[in-house]
Amino acid sequence: GDQPSAISRLVAELESGEPRVVLKGATGTGKTFVMAQTIAALNKPTLLIAPNKVLAAQLYSELRSFFPRNAVSFFVSHFDYYRPESYSAASATHTEKVSRINEAIDTLRHQATCALFERRDTIVVASVSCIYGLGMPAKYLEAAILLAVGQTHAEDELQDLLRAMLYERSAVARERGQFSWAAAEGDAANTSAEVE
């Protein structure tokens, strides 16, 4: 019932310069549809924050169906397990921090960050852990090698750049942080690399 007026109000508030708005509603009232219509009307990169990973995943899935051509990305905590460092004065016991990173979720976080640099139609669905982010945008870009299809690079220079970023050469790169290198067929002394 109130969806058209909610969309109009949200669009008007955001276009007037309001940096953030809140949409409230009970389950099943069409909040995701209202958000999708607002995002479509504004046509700007958008950050939607959900209170936890489960709700963020649900919102991410729904928004991907509303925006099949946009860069809808997922940015949540990449820890499967995290126990902070602690000290118990009663037993004089110090406990080290223990954590385990989920590589698949960490990859999604980096994809979301890259989308913000590369595409204007980016929608990032995040949990509140996004406030920790990946650091300053300029530093993030400094730690990247920008490649494009058809570019030619000096082989040694490109490999040195990868090593400086702590990548390791591997016969067959299968893990994060590894790269493999193959000379062009019939060219054992290949001195340049073309991005494919």
Protein backbone atom coordinates (compact mmCIF):
# COMPACT_ATOMS: atom_id res chain seq x y z
CA GLY A 1 0.00 0.00 0.00
CA ASP A 2 2.58 2.62 1.04
CA GLN A 3 5.33 1.47 -1.30
CA PRO A 4 4.99 4.24 -3.93
CA SER A 5 5.00 6.98 -1.28
CA ALA A 6 7.93 5.37 0.55
CA ILE A 7 9.92 5.22 -2.69
CA SER A 8 9.14 8.87 -3.49
CA ARG A 9 10.07 10.01 0.03
CA LEU A 10 13.35 8.07 0.08
CA VAL A 11 14.37 9.30 -3.37
CA ALA A 12 13.53 12.91 -2.42
CA GLU A 13 15.50 12.72 0.85
CA LEU A 14 18.56 11.22 -0.82
CA GLU A 15 18.46 13.62 -3.78
CA SER A 16 18.25 16.56 -1.35
CA GLY A 17 21.61 15.54 0.09
CA GLU A 18 20.61 13.43 3.09
CA PRO A 19 23.66 11.15 3.44
CA ARG A 20 21.75 8.18 4.88
CA VAL A 21 18.17 7.15 5.34
CA VAL A 22 16.46 4.33 7.22
CA LEU A 23 13.61 2.20 5.92
CA LYS A 24 11.55 0.45 8.59
CA GLY A 25 8.81 -2.11 8.14
CA ALA A 26 7.47 -5.43 9.29
CA THR A 27 8.33 -8.72 7.60
CA GLY A 28 6.63 -9.10 4.25
CA THR A 29 5.82 -5.41 3.68
CA GLY A 30 8.00 -5.05 0.58
CA LYS A 31 11.07 -3.29 2.00
CA THR A 32 13.42 -4.98 -0.47
CA PHE A 33 11.22 -3.92 -3.39
CA VAL A 34 11.17 -0.34 -2.06
CA MET A 35 14.97 -0.36 -1.73
CA ALA A 36 15.37 -1.78 -5.23
CA GLN A 37 13.12 0.88 -6.75
CA THR A 38 14.93 3.63 -4.82
CA ILE A 39 18.33 2.36 -5.99
CA ALA A 40 17.08 2.19 -9.59
CA ALA A 41 15.72 5.75 -9.42
CA LEU A 42 18.96 7.18 -7.98
CA ASN A 43 21.37 5.23 -10.20
CA LYS A 44 24.29 5.60 -7.74
CA PRO A 45 26.65 3.16 -6.04
CA THR A 46 24.78 1.94 -2.96
CA LEU A 47 25.67 0.41 0.40
CA LEU A 48 22.97 -1.54 2.23
CA ILE A 49 23.82 -2.67 5.75
CA ALA A 50 22.06 -5.62 7.34
CA PRO A 51 22.38 -6.48 11.04
CA ASN A 52 23.98 -9.90 10.44
CA LYS A 53 25.39 -12.27 7.78
CA VAL A 54 22.19 -14.26 7.38
CA LEU A 55 20.01 -11.24 6.63
CA ALA A 56 22.76 -9.77 4.42
CA ALA A 57 22.86 -13.02 2.40
CA GLN A 58 19.08 -12.99 1.97
CA LEU A 59 19.11 -9.35 0.84
CA TYR A 60 22.05 -10.02 -1.48
CA SER A 61 20.16 -12.89 -3.13
CA GLU A 62 16.99 -10.84 -3.58
CA LEU A 63 18.82 -7.80 -4.98
CA ARG A 64 20.71 -9.94 -7.48
CA SER A 65 17.33 -10.96 -8.89
CA PHE A 66 16.18 -7.31 -9.06
CA PHE A 67 19.46 -6.17 -10.68
CA PRO A 68 20.82 -9.01 -12.87
CA ARG A 69 23.10 -6.64 -14.86
CA ASN A 70 24.46 -4.63 -11.91
CA ALA A 71 27.49 -5.45 -9.80
CA VAL A 72 25.62 -6.67 -6.72
CA SER A 73 28.32 -7.53 -4.18
CA PHE A 74 28.55 -9.11 -0.74
CA PHE A 75 30.76 -7.71 2.06
CA VAL A 76 30.54 -9.43 5.44
CA SER A 77 32.98 -10.58 8.09
CA HIS A 78 35.40 -13.09 6.62
CA PHE A 79 35.95 -14.87 9.92
CA ASP A 80 34.44 -18.31 10.38
CA TYR A 81 35.66 -18.17 13.95
CA TYR A 82 37.06 -15.34 16.05
CA ARG A 83 38.02 -15.28 19.71
CA PRO A 84 39.67 -12.02 20.79
CA GLU A 85 42.76 -11.80 22.91
CA SER A 86 41.88 -11.77 26.61
CA TYR A 87 43.34 -11.74 30.10
CA SER A 88 41.81 -13.15 33.26
CA ALA A 89 43.17 -11.44 36.39
CA ALA A 90 41.58 -14.09 38.62
CA SER A 91 43.71 -16.88 37.14
CA ALA A 92 46.48 -14.68 35.68
CA THR A 93 45.78 -16.33 32.33
CA HIS A 94 46.45 -14.67 29.00
CA THR A 95 44.62 -16.09 25.99
CA GLU A 96 45.92 -15.37 22.48
CA LYS A 97 43.60 -14.24 19.74
CA VAL A 98 42.38 -17.15 17.62
CA SER A 99 40.66 -16.78 14.26
CA ARG A 100 39.96 -18.65 11.05
CA ILE A 101 39.33 -16.79 7.78
CA ASN A 102 36.82 -18.06 5.22
CA GLU A 103 38.68 -17.66 1.90
CA ALA A 104 35.48 -17.67 -0.20
CA ILE A 105 33.97 -14.81 1.80
CA ASP A 106 37.28 -12.92 1.74
CA THR A 107 37.24 -13.21 -2.06
CA LEU A 108 33.70 -11.77 -2.14
CA ARG A 109 34.89 -8.83 -0.01
CA HIS A 110 37.65 -8.07 -2.50
CA GLN A 111 35.23 -8.42 -5.43
CA ALA A 112 32.93 -5.88 -3.76
CA THR A 113 35.81 -3.46 -3.29
CA CYS A 114 36.96 -3.85 -6.90
CA ALA A 115 33.42 -3.28 -8.16
CA LEU A 116 33.32 0.07 -6.36
CA PHE A 117 36.45 1.16 -8.24
CA GLU A 118 35.34 -0.18 -11.61
CA ARG A 119 31.57 0.20 -11.92
CA ARG A 120 29.04 2.90 -11.17
CA ASP A 121 26.16 0.40 -10.94
CA THR A 122 27.57 -1.26 -7.81
CA ILE A 123 25.30 -2.32 -4.96
CA VAL A 124 27.15 -3.61 -1.89
CA VAL A 125 25.14 -5.62 0.61
CA ALA A 126 27.04 -5.76 3.87
CA SER A 127 26.77 -6.68 7.50
CA VAL A 128 27.78 -4.19 10.18
CA SER A 129 31.34 -5.58 10.01
CA CYS A 130 31.81 -3.50 6.85
CA ILE A 131 32.82 -0.61 9.11
CA TYR A 132 36.21 -2.34 9.39
CA GLY A 133 36.58 -2.43 5.61
CA LEU A 134 39.79 -3.16 3.76
CA GLY A 135 41.57 0.09 4.54
CA MET A 136 41.97 3.36 2.67
CA PRO A 137 40.98 3.24 -1.02
CA ALA A 138 44.24 4.81 -2.21
CA LYS A 139 46.31 2.23 -0.30
CA TYR A 140 44.12 -0.58 -1.65
CA LEU A 141 44.78 0.57 -5.23
CA GLU A 142 48.50 0.98 -4.57
CA ALA A 143 48.58 -2.71 -3.65
CA ALA A 144 47.10 -3.73 -7.00
CA ILE A 145 48.45 -4.33 -10.47
CA LEU A 146 46.05 -2.96 -13.06
CA LEU A 147 45.97 -5.25 -16.09
CA ALA A 148 43.89 -5.13 -19.24
CA VAL A 149 43.42 -7.63 -22.04
CA GLY A 150 45.96 -7.05 -24.79
CA GLN A 151 48.50 -5.15 -22.66
CA THR A 152 52.10 -6.27 -22.97
CA HIS A 153 54.42 -6.26 -19.96
CA ALA A 154 58.07 -7.10 -19.43
CA GLU A 155 58.00 -10.60 -17.93
CA ASP A 156 60.61 -9.93 -15.25
CA GLU A 157 58.97 -6.67 -14.17
CA LEU A 158 55.52 -8.23 -13.86
CA GLN A 159 56.86 -11.19 -11.89
CA ASP A 160 58.81 -8.81 -9.63
CA LEU A 161 55.61 -6.82 -8.98
CA LEU A 162 53.76 -10.00 -8.04
CA ARG A 163 56.55 -11.09 -5.71
CA ALA A 164 56.59 -7.62 -4.10
CA MET A 165 52.90 -8.20 -3.32
CA LEU A 166 53.97 -11.48 -1.60
CA TYR A 167 52.72 -13.78 -4.37
CA GLU A 168 54.73 -16.95 -4.85
CA ARG A 169 55.45 -18.58 -8.19
CA SER A 170 54.02 -22.07 -8.43
CA ALA A 171 54.17 -24.69 -11.19
CA VAL A 172 50.36 -24.68 -11.23
CA ALA A 173 48.81 -21.80 -9.25
CA ARG A 174 45.91 -23.28 -7.32
CA GLU A 175 45.98 -21.29 -4.09
CA ARG A 176 45.47 -17.64 -3.28
CA GLY A 177 48.77 -15.82 -3.20
CA GLN A 178 50.29 -17.94 -5.98
CA PHE A 179 50.88 -17.36 -9.68
CA SER A 180 52.08 -19.59 -12.49
CA TRP A 181 53.98 -18.54 -15.56
CA ALA A 182 54.23 -20.26 -18.91
CA ALA A 183 56.42 -19.12 -21.80
CA ALA A 184 54.73 -18.72 -25.16
CA GLU A 185 54.76 -21.99 -27.10
CA GLY A 186 58.06 -22.43 -28.93
CA ASP A 187 59.59 -19.41 -27.14
CA ALA A 188 61.79 -20.59 -24.28
CA ALA A 189 63.27 -17.11 -23.90
CA ASN A 190 59.96 -15.24 -23.66
CA THR A 191 60.71 -11.74 -22.35
CA SER A 192 57.24 -10.21 -22.39
CA ALA A 193 53.80 -11.26 -21.28
CA GLU A 194 50.46 -10.45 -22.85
CA VAL A 195 47.36 -10.31 -20.69
CA GLU A 196 44.68 -12.67 -21.95
